[in-house]
């Protein structure tokens, strides 16, 4: 099996999302989740943008009241299938809390996340306006009465996490909060990033990630082709802390080692003194690889061994989807609009 086949088999399902549980309560523990399948209320749709027909899956939980909070979940690279994000654990939470989720499809093999290089442009079939597509998609769902424009959120992992960071830079007026995971800023993004307002952000990174280098450098350096480069997770985090006006060093909390067998520990870093309504929090998975904590992985066999070798350890100490959900909830996701009170 060549490396590209491995990435399309493993990287896509592994690459996607996270957020803080806050100092007031311990992070949720992971639960066993079934393999991905279309949830109740799933609907395939298309929208035309920039001369291209773009596709997405909209999931409206049965009985949800409109306009509802909206969560965009962006898949990782190596695919153009938003349905790969169903297995991350957000659907059960969305059904419980009445949140609409949308799972857009990238073009070619991913998203135009701000990295430079001919390889990345070629795999999308040319220059693609993904920022425009995703903001137009939100606007269409708002105009249709499905989404509440004041409660729109975005999360994504790997290539989808880098796209989440780009949206925070270029479309801050659209999103109430963002949660990229296993993703850093592309090289050069700190110079071009000019958000229109302060932005609550939660990051999750593994410090032993073999594909998204924690200390910065080439993305997936062992893979063929130049996938571009990123700055470090620390630099990315500190840029957002400065932008959001955080005045104190982050409080660091070392979380319980709930699953010693997974070979990881998790620490939470939360800045203080930030501008009102904002937050800058990161969960670092010490010894963790290229995966959302708590997400399902192959239990055994050749695929499991391949995943362990290329992706690295998956932490079972926290439930990444639930942690992200808690973060978005702190930033108004489940607050009822004044017009509905």
C-alpha atoms as a PDB file:
ATOM      1  CA  UNK A   1       0.000   0.000   0.000  1.00  0.00           C
ATOM      2  CA  UNK A   2       1.530   3.352  -0.991  1.00  0.00           C
ATOM      3  CA  UNK A   3       1.603   6.370   1.294  1.00  0.00           C
ATOM      4  CA  UNK A   4      -1.183   8.228  -0.499  1.00  0.00           C
ATOM      5  CA  UNK A   5      -3.476   5.221  -0.051  1.00  0.00           C
ATOM      6  CA  UNK A   6      -2.624   5.136   3.624  1.00  0.00           C
ATOM      7  CA  UNK A   7      -3.488   8.818   4.009  1.00  0.00           C
ATOM      8  CA  UNK A   8      -6.844   8.396   2.290  1.00  0.00           C
ATOM      9  CA  UNK A   9      -7.551   5.359   4.473  1.00  0.00           C
ATOM     10  CA  UNK A  10      -6.415   6.780   7.792  1.00  0.00           C
ATOM     11  CA  UNK A  11      -5.748  10.510   7.751  1.00  0.00           C
ATOM     12  CA  UNK A  12      -9.204  11.547   6.618  1.00  0.00           C
ATOM     13  CA  UNK A  13     -11.197   9.931   9.422  1.00  0.00           C
ATOM     14  CA  UNK A  14      -8.569  10.862  11.990  1.00  0.00           C
ATOM     15  CA  UNK A  15      -8.261  14.541  11.173  1.00  0.00           C
ATOM     16  CA  UNK A  16     -11.045  16.562  12.902  1.00  0.00           C
ATOM     17  CA  UNK A  17     -11.812  18.953  16.134  1.00  0.00           C
ATOM     18  CA  UNK A  18     -11.640  20.047  19.978  1.00  0.00           C
ATOM     19  CA  UNK A  19     -12.270  22.586  22.823  1.00  0.00           C
ATOM     20  CA  UNK A  20     -11.819  23.299  26.571  1.00  0.00           C
ATOM     21  CA  UNK A  21     -13.863  21.943  29.378  1.00  0.00           C
ATOM     22  CA  UNK A  22     -13.092  24.994  31.469  1.00  0.00           C
ATOM     23  CA  UNK A  23     -11.499  25.308  34.867  1.00  0.00           C
ATOM     24  CA  UNK A  24     -14.832  24.761  36.615  1.00  0.00           C
ATOM     25  CA  UNK A  25     -15.333  21.095  35.641  1.00  0.00           C
ATOM     26  CA  UNK A  26     -13.136  18.162  34.540  1.00  0.00           C
ATOM     27  CA  UNK A  27     -13.079  17.300  30.830  1.00  0.00           C
ATOM     28  CA  UNK A  28     -15.521  14.607  29.706  1.00  0.00           C
ATOM     29  CA  UNK A  29     -14.214  11.086  29.316  1.00  0.00           C
ATOM     30  CA  UNK A  30     -14.486   9.352  25.934  1.00  0.00           C
ATOM     31  CA  UNK A  31     -17.162   6.814  25.111  1.00  0.00           C
ATOM     32  CA  UNK A  32     -17.096   4.017  22.539  1.00  0.00           C
ATOM     33  CA  UNK A  33     -18.696   5.240  19.299  1.00  0.00           C
ATOM     34  CA  UNK A  34     -19.930   3.224  16.313  1.00  0.00           C
ATOM     35  CA  UNK A  35     -18.497   3.628  12.850  1.00  0.00           C
ATOM     36  CA  UNK A  36     -19.722   6.559  10.760  1.00  0.00           C
ATOM     37  CA  UNK A  37     -23.230   6.432   9.355  1.00  0.00           C
ATOM     38  CA  UNK A  38     -25.636   9.099   8.175  1.00  0.00           C
ATOM     39  CA  UNK A  39     -27.518  10.443  11.216  1.00  0.00           C
ATOM     40  CA  UNK A  40     -31.254  11.088  11.364  1.00  0.00           C
ATOM     41  CA  UNK A  41     -32.155  14.282   9.538  1.00  0.00           C
ATOM     42  CA  UNK A  42     -29.197  14.135   7.115  1.00  0.00           C
ATOM     43  CA  UNK A  43     -29.793  15.733   3.714  1.00  0.00           C
ATOM     44  CA  UNK A  44     -27.431  16.037   0.749  1.00  0.00           C
ATOM     45  CA  UNK A  45     -27.451  19.495  -0.855  1.00  0.00           C
ATOM     46  CA  UNK A  46     -25.548  21.648  -3.325  1.00  0.00           C
ATOM     47  CA  UNK A  47     -24.861  25.355  -3.675  1.00  0.00           C
ATOM     48  CA  UNK A  48     -23.247  27.206  -6.562  1.00  0.00           C
ATOM     49  CA  UNK A  49     -20.331  29.491  -5.734  1.00  0.00           C
ATOM     50  CA  UNK A  50     -17.650  31.074  -7.887  1.00  0.00           C
ATOM     51  CA  UNK A  51     -18.782  29.108 -10.930  1.00  0.00           C
ATOM     52  CA  UNK A  52     -18.563  25.754  -9.146  1.00  0.00           C
ATOM     53  CA  UNK A  53     -21.259  23.489  -7.781  1.00  0.00           C
ATOM     54  CA  UNK A  54     -20.282  22.709  -4.193  1.00  0.00           C
ATOM     55  CA  UNK A  55     -21.855  19.992  -2.077  1.00  0.00           C
ATOM     56  CA  UNK A  56     -22.505  19.469   1.613  1.00  0.00           C
ATOM     57  CA  UNK A  57     -24.517  17.387   4.059  1.00  0.00           C
ATOM     58  CA  UNK A  58     -26.975  19.235   6.285  1.00  0.00           C
ATOM     59  CA  UNK A  59     -28.133  17.491   9.464  1.00  0.00           C
ATOM     60  CA  UNK A  60     -31.236  18.832  11.195  1.00  0.00           C
ATOM     61  CA  UNK A  61     -32.101  16.781  14.276  1.00  0.00           C
ATOM     62  CA  UNK A  62     -35.769  15.758  14.350  1.00  0.00           C
ATOM     63  CA  UNK A  63     -37.864  18.392  16.109  1.00  0.00           C
ATOM     64  CA  UNK A  64     -35.166  21.079  16.082  1.00  0.00           C
ATOM     65  CA  UNK A  65     -36.506  24.636  16.397  1.00  0.00           C
ATOM     66  CA  UNK A  66     -35.446  27.187  13.789  1.00  0.00           C
ATOM     67  CA  UNK A  67     -33.492  29.344  13.567  1.00  0.00           C
ATOM     68  CA  UNK A  68     -31.080  27.028  15.351  1.00  0.00           C
ATOM     69  CA  UNK A  69     -27.417  27.229  16.301  1.00  0.00           C
ATOM     70  CA  UNK A  70     -25.211  25.993  13.447  1.00  0.00           C
ATOM     71  CA  UNK A  71     -21.930  24.076  13.627  1.00  0.00           C
ATOM     72  CA  UNK A  72     -19.694  23.600  10.578  1.00  0.00           C
ATOM     73  CA  UNK A  73     -17.489  20.502  10.837  1.00  0.00           C
ATOM     74  CA  UNK A  74     -14.616  20.493   8.328  1.00  0.00           C
ATOM     75  CA  UNK A  75     -12.995  17.235   7.239  1.00  0.00           C
ATOM     76  CA  UNK A  76      -9.256  16.670   6.943  1.00  0.00           C
ATOM     77  CA  UNK A  77      -7.125  16.394   3.827  1.00  0.00           C
ATOM     78  CA  UNK A  78      -6.932  13.489   1.424  1.00  0.00           C
ATOM     79  CA  UNK A  79     -10.666  13.532   0.723  1.00  0.00           C
ATOM     80  CA  UNK A  80     -13.544  15.727  -0.382  1.00  0.00           C
ATOM     81  CA  UNK A  81     -16.163  13.911   1.680  1.00  0.00           C
ATOM     82  CA  UNK A  82     -17.671  15.801   4.601  1.00  0.00           C
ATOM     83  CA  UNK A  83     -19.450  12.639   5.766  1.00  0.00           C
ATOM     84  CA  UNK A  84     -16.135  11.381   7.167  1.00  0.00           C
ATOM     85  CA  UNK A  85     -16.771  13.725  10.114  1.00  0.00           C
ATOM     86  CA  UNK A  86     -19.905  11.876  11.290  1.00  0.00           C
ATOM     87  CA  UNK A  87     -17.792   9.535  13.422  1.00  0.00           C
ATOM     88  CA  UNK A  88     -16.234  12.287  15.551  1.00  0.00           C
ATOM     89  CA  UNK A  89     -18.997  12.373  18.146  1.00  0.00           C
ATOM     90  CA  UNK A  90     -20.763  15.677  17.439  1.00  0.00           C
ATOM     91  CA  UNK A  91     -24.035  14.175  16.142  1.00  0.00           C
ATOM     92  CA  UNK A  92     -25.208  12.756  19.460  1.00  0.00           C
ATOM     93  CA  UNK A  93     -24.548  16.105  21.131  1.00  0.00           C
ATOM     94  CA  UNK A  94     -26.291  18.015  18.339  1.00  0.00           C
ATOM     95  CA  UNK A  95     -29.376  15.788  18.534  1.00  0.00           C
ATOM     96  CA  UNK A  96     -29.510  16.222  22.300  1.00  0.00           C
ATOM     97  CA  UNK A  97     -29.192  20.014  22.234  1.00  0.00           C
ATOM     98  CA  UNK A  98     -31.028  20.935  19.032  1.00  0.00           C
ATOM     99  CA  UNK A  99     -28.019  22.090  17.011  1.00  0.00           C
ATOM    100  CA  UNK A 100     -27.916  21.916  13.211  1.00  0.00           C
ATOM    101  CA  UNK A 101     -24.628  20.643  11.799  1.00  0.00           C
ATOM    102  CA  UNK A 102     -23.295  21.078   8.286  1.00  0.00           C
ATOM    103  CA  UNK A 103     -20.554  18.916   6.801  1.00  0.00           C
ATOM    104  CA  UNK A 104     -19.194  20.614   3.656  1.00  0.00           C
ATOM    105  CA  UNK A 105     -17.220  18.761   1.006  1.00  0.00           C
ATOM    106  CA  UNK A 106     -13.824  20.139   0.079  1.00  0.00           C
ATOM    107  CA  UNK A 107     -12.715  20.200  -3.531  1.00  0.00           C
ATOM    108  CA  UNK A 108     -10.139  17.775  -4.861  1.00  0.00           C
ATOM    109  CA  UNK A 109      -8.419  16.522  -1.740  1.00  0.00           C
ATOM    110  CA  UNK A 110      -9.188  19.154   0.842  1.00  0.00           C
ATOM    111  CA  UNK A 111      -9.352  22.865   1.613  1.00  0.00           C
ATOM    112  CA  UNK A 112      -7.475  25.990   0.522  1.00  0.00           C
ATOM    113  CA  UNK A 113      -6.223  26.623   4.042  1.00  0.00           C
ATOM    114  CA  UNK A 114      -3.608  29.299   3.352  1.00  0.00           C
ATOM    115  CA  UNK A 115      -0.595  27.130   2.588  1.00  0.00           C
ATOM    116  CA  UNK A 116       1.365  27.974  -0.531  1.00  0.00           C
ATOM    117  CA  UNK A 117       2.703  25.570  -3.145  1.00  0.00           C
ATOM    118  CA  UNK A 118       1.775  24.163  -6.526  1.00  0.00           C
ATOM    119  CA  UNK A 119       1.011  20.723  -5.079  1.00  0.00           C
ATOM    120  CA  UNK A 120      -1.819  22.070  -2.934  1.00  0.00           C
ATOM    121  CA  UNK A 121      -3.339  24.073  -5.785  1.00  0.00           C
ATOM    122  CA  UNK A 122      -3.099  21.132  -8.180  1.00  0.00           C
ATOM    123  CA  UNK A 123      -4.858  18.720  -5.855  1.00  0.00           C
ATOM    124  CA  UNK A 124      -7.862  21.084  -5.745  1.00  0.00           C
ATOM    125  CA  UNK A 125      -7.852  21.499  -9.517  1.00  0.00           C
ATOM    126  CA  UNK A 126      -6.820  25.157  -9.400  1.00  0.00           C
ATOM    127  CA  UNK A 127      -7.317  28.144  -7.113  1.00  0.00           C
ATOM    128  CA  UNK A 128     -10.515  27.613  -5.098  1.00  0.00           C
ATOM    129  CA  UNK A 129     -12.372  30.196  -2.994  1.00  0.00           C
ATOM    130  CA  UNK A 130     -13.166  28.068   0.041  1.00  0.00           C
ATOM    131  CA  UNK A 131     -13.597  31.046   2.384  1.00  0.00           C
ATOM    132  CA  UNK A 132     -16.212  32.431  -0.001  1.00  0.00           C
ATOM    133  CA  UNK A 133     -17.906  29.044  -0.355  1.00  0.00           C
ATOM    134  CA  UNK A 134     -18.201  28.423   3.379  1.00  0.00           C
ATOM    135  CA  UNK A 135     -19.416  31.925   4.216  1.00  0.00           C
ATOM    136  CA  UNK A 136     -21.907  31.794   1.327  1.00  0.00           C
ATOM    137  CA  UNK A 137     -23.141  28.458   2.663  1.00  0.00           C
ATOM    138  CA  UNK A 138     -23.742  29.972   6.102  1.00  0.00           C
ATOM    139  CA  UNK A 139     -25.493  32.975   4.547  1.00  0.00           C
ATOM    140  CA  UNK A 140     -27.784  30.684   2.548  1.00  0.00           C
ATOM    141  CA  UNK A 141     -28.766  28.691   5.643  1.00  0.00           C
ATOM    142  CA  UNK A 142     -29.434  31.925   7.530  1.00  0.00           C
ATOM    143  CA  UNK A 143     -31.559  33.278   4.655  1.00  0.00           C
ATOM    144  CA  UNK A 144     -33.504  30.005   4.613  1.00  0.00           C
ATOM    145  CA  UNK A 145     -34.338  30.471   8.293  1.00  0.00           C
ATOM    146  CA  UNK A 146     -32.426  27.356   9.339  1.00  0.00           C
ATOM    147  CA  UNK A 147     -29.488  28.985  11.145  1.00  0.00           C
ATOM    148  CA  UNK A 148     -29.300  31.749  13.740  1.00  0.00           C
ATOM    149  CA  UNK A 149     -26.623  34.171  12.446  1.00  0.00           C
ATOM    150  CA  UNK A 150     -25.517  34.994  15.996  1.00  0.00           C
ATOM    151  CA  UNK A 151     -24.799  31.348  16.829  1.00  0.00           C
ATOM    152  CA  UNK A 152     -22.594  29.969  14.045  1.00  0.00           C
ATOM    153  CA  UNK A 153     -19.479  27.951  14.974  1.00  0.00           C
ATOM    154  CA  UNK A 154     -16.772  26.046  13.126  1.00  0.00           C
ATOM    155  CA  UNK A 155     -14.423  23.210  14.008  1.00  0.00           C
ATOM    156  CA  UNK A 156     -12.152  20.971  11.976  1.00  0.00           C
ATOM    157  CA  UNK A 157      -9.000  18.914  12.169  1.00  0.00           C
ATOM    158  CA  UNK A 158      -5.728  18.811  10.237  1.00  0.00           C
ATOM    159  CA  UNK A 159      -6.406  20.446   6.835  1.00  0.00           C
ATOM    160  CA  UNK A 160      -9.900  21.229   8.174  1.00  0.00           C
ATOM    161  CA  UNK A 161      -8.357  22.729  11.303  1.00  0.00           C
ATOM    162  CA  UNK A 162      -6.086  24.950   9.246  1.00  0.00           C
ATOM    163  CA  UNK A 163      -9.141  26.010   7.235  1.00  0.00           C
ATOM    164  CA  UNK A 164     -10.873  26.804  10.529  1.00  0.00           C
ATOM    165  CA  UNK A 165      -7.952  29.090  11.406  1.00  0.00           C
ATOM    166  CA  UNK A 166      -8.203  30.793   8.028  1.00  0.00           C
ATOM    167  CA  UNK A 167     -11.929  31.398   8.536  1.00  0.00           C
ATOM    168  CA  UNK A 168     -11.160  32.963  11.920  1.00  0.00           C
ATOM    169  CA  UNK A 169      -8.800  35.354  10.143  1.00  0.00           C
ATOM    170  CA  UNK A 170     -10.929  36.228   7.124  1.00  0.00           C
ATOM    171  CA  UNK A 171     -14.529  35.665   8.231  1.00  0.00           C
ATOM    172  CA  UNK A 172     -14.572  36.513  11.936  1.00  0.00           C
ATOM    173  CA  UNK A 173     -17.882  38.315  11.502  1.00  0.00           C
ATOM    174  CA  UNK A 174     -19.551  35.037  10.518  1.00  0.00           C
ATOM    175  CA  UNK A 175     -18.463  32.836  13.437  1.00  0.00           C
ATOM    176  CA  UNK A 176     -19.064  33.217  17.174  1.00  0.00           C
ATOM    177  CA  UNK A 177     -16.136  30.937  18.124  1.00  0.00           C
ATOM    178  CA  UNK A 178     -13.720  28.496  16.478  1.00  0.00           C
ATOM    179  CA  UNK A 179     -12.079  25.231  17.553  1.00  0.00           C
ATOM    180  CA  UNK A 180      -9.272  23.956  15.298  1.00  0.00           C
ATOM    181  CA  UNK A 181      -7.568  20.733  16.291  1.00  0.00           C
ATOM    182  CA  UNK A 182      -4.318  19.055  15.206  1.00  0.00           C
ATOM    183  CA  UNK A 183      -3.653  22.218  13.176  1.00  0.00           C
ATOM    184  CA  UNK A 184      -1.308  25.209  13.222  1.00  0.00           C
ATOM    185  CA  UNK A 185      -1.149  28.427  11.219  1.00  0.00           C
ATOM    186  CA  UNK A 186       0.332  28.069   7.749  1.00  0.00           C
ATOM    187  CA  UNK A 187       3.629  29.916   7.321  1.00  0.00           C
ATOM    188  CA  UNK A 188       2.811  33.535   6.465  1.00  0.00           C
ATOM    189  CA  UNK A 189      -0.689  33.529   7.958  1.00  0.00           C
ATOM    190  CA  UNK A 190       0.272  35.617  10.979  1.00  0.00           C
ATOM    191  CA  UNK A 191       1.181  38.458   8.613  1.00  0.00           C
ATOM    192  CA  UNK A 192      -2.049  38.247   6.594  1.00  0.00           C
ATOM    193  CA  UNK A 193      -4.464  37.373   9.421  1.00  0.00           C
ATOM    194  CA  UNK A 194      -6.584  40.425  10.236  1.00  0.00           C
ATOM    195  CA  UNK A 195      -9.785  39.347  12.026  1.00  0.00           C
ATOM    196  CA  UNK A 196     -12.524  41.961  12.183  1.00  0.00           C
ATOM    197  CA  UNK A 197     -13.124  41.299  15.882  1.00  0.00           C
ATOM    198  CA  UNK A 198     -11.723  39.337  18.836  1.00  0.00           C
ATOM    199  CA  UNK A 199     -12.303  35.612  18.421  1.00  0.00           C
ATOM    200  CA  UNK A 200     -12.769  32.936  21.113  1.00  0.00           C
ATOM    201  CA  UNK A 201     -10.556  30.009  20.156  1.00  0.00           C
ATOM    202  CA  UNK A 202      -9.842  26.542  21.480  1.00  0.00           C
ATOM    203  CA  UNK A 203      -7.006  24.423  20.110  1.00  0.00           C
ATOM    204  CA  UNK A 204      -6.076  20.766  20.554  1.00  0.00           C
ATOM    205  CA  UNK A 205      -2.625  19.536  19.499  1.00  0.00           C
ATOM    206  CA  UNK A 206      -0.549  16.413  20.037  1.00  0.00           C
ATOM    207  CA  UNK A 207       3.090  17.170  20.780  1.00  0.00           C
ATOM    208  CA  UNK A 208       4.175  13.946  19.015  1.00  0.00           C
ATOM    209  CA  UNK A 209       2.049  14.482  15.897  1.00  0.00           C
ATOM    210  CA  UNK A 210       3.972  13.016  12.929  1.00  0.00           C
ATOM    211  CA  UNK A 211       1.892  14.881  10.315  1.00  0.00           C
ATOM    212  CA  UNK A 212       1.216  18.337  11.807  1.00  0.00           C
ATOM    213  CA  UNK A 213       4.566  19.221  13.426  1.00  0.00           C
ATOM    214  CA  UNK A 214       3.990  20.639  16.910  1.00  0.00           C
ATOM    215  CA  UNK A 215       7.208  22.660  16.689  1.00  0.00           C
ATOM    216  CA  UNK A 216       6.491  23.821  13.132  1.00  0.00           C
ATOM    217  CA  UNK A 217       7.939  22.736   9.805  1.00  0.00           C
ATOM    218  CA  UNK A 218       6.802  20.731   6.786  1.00  0.00           C
ATOM    219  CA  UNK A 219       3.375  19.132   6.958  1.00  0.00           C
ATOM    220  CA  UNK A 220       3.485  15.331   6.539  1.00  0.00           C
ATOM    221  CA  UNK A 221       7.179  15.530   5.752  1.00  0.00           C
ATOM    222  CA  UNK A 222       7.374  11.792   5.019  1.00  0.00           C
ATOM    223  CA  UNK A 223       4.718  12.001   2.284  1.00  0.00           C
ATOM    224  CA  UNK A 224       5.358  12.636  -1.430  1.00  0.00           C
ATOM    225  CA  UNK A 225       4.828  16.182  -2.670  1.00  0.00           C
ATOM    226  CA  UNK A 226       5.287  19.486  -0.878  1.00  0.00           C
ATOM    227  CA  UNK A 227       2.309  19.904   1.433  1.00  0.00           C
ATOM    228  CA  UNK A 228       3.537  23.267   2.653  1.00  0.00           C
ATOM    229  CA  UNK A 229       4.775  24.336   6.071  1.00  0.00           C
ATOM    230  CA  UNK A 230       3.313  25.562   9.338  1.00  0.00           C
ATOM    231  CA  UNK A 231       4.534  27.583  12.278  1.00  0.00           C
ATOM    232  CA  UNK A 232       4.524  25.945  15.695  1.00  0.00           C
ATOM    233  CA  UNK A 233       1.501  25.304  17.861  1.00  0.00           C
ATOM    234  CA  UNK A 234       3.001  27.638  20.495  1.00  0.00           C
ATOM    235  CA  UNK A 235       3.382  30.469  17.980  1.00  0.00           C
ATOM    236  CA  UNK A 236      -0.171  29.944  16.735  1.00  0.00           C
ATOM    237  CA  UNK A 237      -1.574  29.967  20.266  1.00  0.00           C
ATOM    238  CA  UNK A 238       0.424  33.020  21.335  1.00  0.00           C
ATOM    239  CA  UNK A 239      -0.636  34.978  18.238  1.00  0.00           C
ATOM    240  CA  UNK A 240      -4.280  34.538  19.222  1.00  0.00           C
ATOM    241  CA  UNK A 241      -3.531  35.402  22.851  1.00  0.00           C
ATOM    242  CA  UNK A 242      -1.950  38.688  21.760  1.00  0.00           C
ATOM    243  CA  UNK A 243      -4.748  39.447  19.314  1.00  0.00           C
ATOM    244  CA  UNK A 244      -7.408  38.786  21.965  1.00  0.00           C
ATOM    245  CA  UNK A 245      -5.606  41.053  24.420  1.00  0.00           C
ATOM    246  CA  UNK A 246      -4.725  38.373  26.977  1.00  0.00           C
ATOM    247  CA  UNK A 247      -2.456  39.967  29.569  1.00  0.00           C
ATOM    248  CA  UNK A 248      -1.370  37.028  31.718  1.00  0.00           C
ATOM    249  CA  UNK A 249       0.459  33.790  31.089  1.00  0.00           C
ATOM    250  CA  UNK A 250      -1.789  30.761  30.723  1.00  0.00           C
ATOM    251  CA  UNK A 251      -2.837  28.767  33.751  1.00  0.00           C
ATOM    252  CA  UNK A 252      -1.642  25.202  33.204  1.00  0.00           C
ATOM    253  CA  UNK A 253      -3.648  22.265  34.543  1.00  0.00           C
ATOM    254  CA  UNK A 254      -2.356  18.733  34.213  1.00  0.00           C
ATOM    255  CA  UNK A 255      -5.405  16.521  33.783  1.00  0.00           C
ATOM    256  CA  UNK A 256      -5.827  13.046  35.299  1.00  0.00           C
ATOM    257  CA  UNK A 257      -4.310  10.165  33.371  1.00  0.00           C
ATOM    258  CA  UNK A 258      -7.671   8.473  32.862  1.00  0.00           C
ATOM    259  CA  UNK A 259      -6.243   5.790  30.561  1.00  0.00           C
ATOM    260  CA  UNK A 260      -2.582   5.033  31.353  1.00  0.00           C
ATOM    261  CA  UNK A 261      -2.489   2.376  28.632  1.00  0.00           C
ATOM    262  CA  UNK A 262      -2.810   4.953  25.825  1.00  0.00           C
ATOM    263  CA  UNK A 263       0.655   6.388  26.508  1.00  0.00           C
ATOM    264  CA  UNK A 264      -0.549  10.013  26.681  1.00  0.00           C
ATOM    265  CA  UNK A 265      -1.242  12.739  29.235  1.00  0.00           C
ATOM    266  CA  UNK A 266      -3.241  15.912  28.629  1.00  0.00           C
ATOM    267  CA  UNK A 267      -2.560  19.385  29.933  1.00  0.00           C
ATOM    268  CA  UNK A 268      -4.912  22.339  29.616  1.00  0.00           C
ATOM    269  CA  UNK A 269      -3.543  25.858  29.073  1.00  0.00           C
ATOM    270  CA  UNK A 270      -6.011  28.728  29.518  1.00  0.00           C
ATOM    271  CA  UNK A 271      -5.063  32.390  29.215  1.00  0.00           C
ATOM    272  CA  UNK A 272      -6.420  35.051  31.573  1.00  0.00           C
ATOM    273  CA  UNK A 273      -7.030  38.771  31.181  1.00  0.00           C
ATOM    274  CA  UNK A 274      -8.398  38.463  27.635  1.00  0.00           C
ATOM    275  CA  UNK A 275     -10.863  40.884  26.072  1.00  0.00           C
ATOM    276  CA  UNK A 276     -14.453  40.452  27.318  1.00  0.00           C
ATOM    277  CA  UNK A 277     -16.294  37.600  25.630  1.00  0.00           C
ATOM    278  CA  UNK A 278     -13.141  35.947  24.320  1.00  0.00           C
ATOM    279  CA  UNK A 279     -11.134  32.930  25.363  1.00  0.00           C
ATOM    280  CA  UNK A 280      -7.818  31.387  24.367  1.00  0.00           C
ATOM    281  CA  UNK A 281      -7.432  27.781  25.503  1.00  0.00           C
ATOM    282  CA  UNK A 282      -5.316  24.881  24.312  1.00  0.00           C
ATOM    283  CA  UNK A 283      -5.255  21.202  25.203  1.00  0.00           C
ATOM    284  CA  UNK A 284      -1.848  19.627  24.583  1.00  0.00           C
ATOM    285  CA  UNK A 285      -1.832  15.849  24.315  1.00  0.00           C
ATOM    286  CA  UNK A 286       1.612  14.904  25.596  1.00  0.00           C
ATOM    287  CA  UNK A 287       2.792  11.973  23.506  1.00  0.00           C
ATOM    288  CA  UNK A 288      -0.317  12.307  21.341  1.00  0.00           C
ATOM    289  CA  UNK A 289      -0.463  11.926  17.589  1.00  0.00           C
ATOM    290  CA  UNK A 290      -2.623  13.160  14.713  1.00  0.00           C
ATOM    291  CA  UNK A 291      -6.081  12.486  16.129  1.00  0.00           C
ATOM    292  CA  UNK A 292      -8.942  14.019  18.075  1.00  0.00           C
ATOM    293  CA  UNK A 293      -8.795  12.615  21.608  1.00  0.00           C
ATOM    294  CA  UNK A 294     -11.393   9.935  22.198  1.00  0.00           C
ATOM    295  CA  UNK A 295     -12.189   9.301  18.553  1.00  0.00           C
ATOM    296  CA  UNK A 296     -12.695   5.695  17.393  1.00  0.00           C
ATOM    297  CA  UNK A 297      -9.808   3.889  15.744  1.00  0.00           C
ATOM    298  CA  UNK A 298      -9.297   0.361  14.365  1.00  0.00           C
ATOM    299  CA  UNK A 299      -8.915  -2.006  17.308  1.00  0.00           C
ATOM    300  CA  UNK A 300      -6.550  -4.520  15.731  1.00  0.00           C
ATOM    301  CA  UNK A 301      -5.274  -5.960  12.475  1.00  0.00           C
ATOM    302  CA  UNK A 302      -3.114  -4.415   9.724  1.00  0.00           C
ATOM    303  CA  UNK A 303      -5.139  -1.190   9.595  1.00  0.00           C
ATOM    304  CA  UNK A 304      -4.685  -0.619  13.327  1.00  0.00           C
ATOM    305  CA  UNK A 305      -0.927  -1.191  13.048  1.00  0.00           C
ATOM    306  CA  UNK A 306      -0.710   1.184  10.082  1.00  0.00           C
ATOM    307  CA  UNK A 307      -2.654   3.824  12.000  1.00  0.00           C
ATOM    308  CA  UNK A 308      -0.427   3.512  15.048  1.00  0.00           C
ATOM    309  CA  UNK A 309       2.698   3.874  12.911  1.00  0.00           C
ATOM    310  CA  UNK A 310       1.568   6.814  10.776  1.00  0.00           C
ATOM    311  CA  UNK A 311      -0.890   8.666  13.007  1.00  0.00           C
ATOM    312  CA  UNK A 312       0.616   8.015  16.414  1.00  0.00           C
ATOM    313  CA  UNK A 313      -1.105   7.480  19.770  1.00  0.00           C
ATOM    314  CA  UNK A 314      -4.767   8.463  20.233  1.00  0.00           C
ATOM    315  CA  UNK A 315      -5.503   9.789  23.716  1.00  0.00           C
ATOM    316  CA  UNK A 316      -8.401   8.310  25.676  1.00  0.00           C
ATOM    317  CA  UNK A 317      -7.981  10.713  28.601  1.00  0.00           C
ATOM    318  CA  UNK A 318     -10.596  13.195  27.337  1.00  0.00           C
ATOM    319  CA  UNK A 319     -13.463  13.206  24.840  1.00  0.00           C
ATOM    320  CA  UNK A 320     -12.415  15.805  22.271  1.00  0.00           C
ATOM    321  CA  UNK A 321     -15.877  16.319  20.776  1.00  0.00           C
ATOM    322  CA  UNK A 322     -17.455  16.886  24.198  1.00  0.00           C
ATOM    323  CA  UNK A 323     -14.671  19.283  25.188  1.00  0.00           C
ATOM    324  CA  UNK A 324     -15.241  21.348  22.034  1.00  0.00           C
ATOM    325  CA  UNK A 325     -18.989  21.279  22.630  1.00  0.00           C
ATOM    326  CA  UNK A 326     -18.457  22.622  26.153  1.00  0.00           C
ATOM    327  CA  UNK A 327     -16.343  25.452  24.730  1.00  0.00           C
ATOM    328  CA  UNK A 328     -18.974  26.453  22.182  1.00  0.00           C
ATOM    329  CA  UNK A 329     -21.653  26.283  24.881  1.00  0.00           C
ATOM    330  CA  UNK A 330     -19.653  28.752  26.975  1.00  0.00           C
ATOM    331  CA  UNK A 331     -19.767  31.084  23.983  1.00  0.00           C
ATOM    332  CA  UNK A 332     -23.515  31.190  23.477  1.00  0.00           C
ATOM    333  CA  UNK A 333     -24.297  28.125  21.379  1.00  0.00           C
ATOM    334  CA  UNK A 334     -27.238  27.055  23.531  1.00  0.00           C
ATOM    335  CA  UNK A 335     -28.329  30.529  24.627  1.00  0.00           C
ATOM    336  CA  UNK A 336     -31.841  31.157  23.348  1.00  0.00           C
ATOM    337  CA  UNK A 337     -32.146  34.257  21.121  1.00  0.00           C
ATOM    338  CA  UNK A 338     -34.081  37.167  22.600  1.00  0.00           C
ATOM    339  CA  UNK A 339     -36.767  36.805  19.893  1.00  0.00           C
ATOM    340  CA  UNK A 340     -37.514  33.267  21.074  1.00  0.00           C
ATOM    341  CA  UNK A 341     -37.678  33.941  24.819  1.00  0.00           C
END
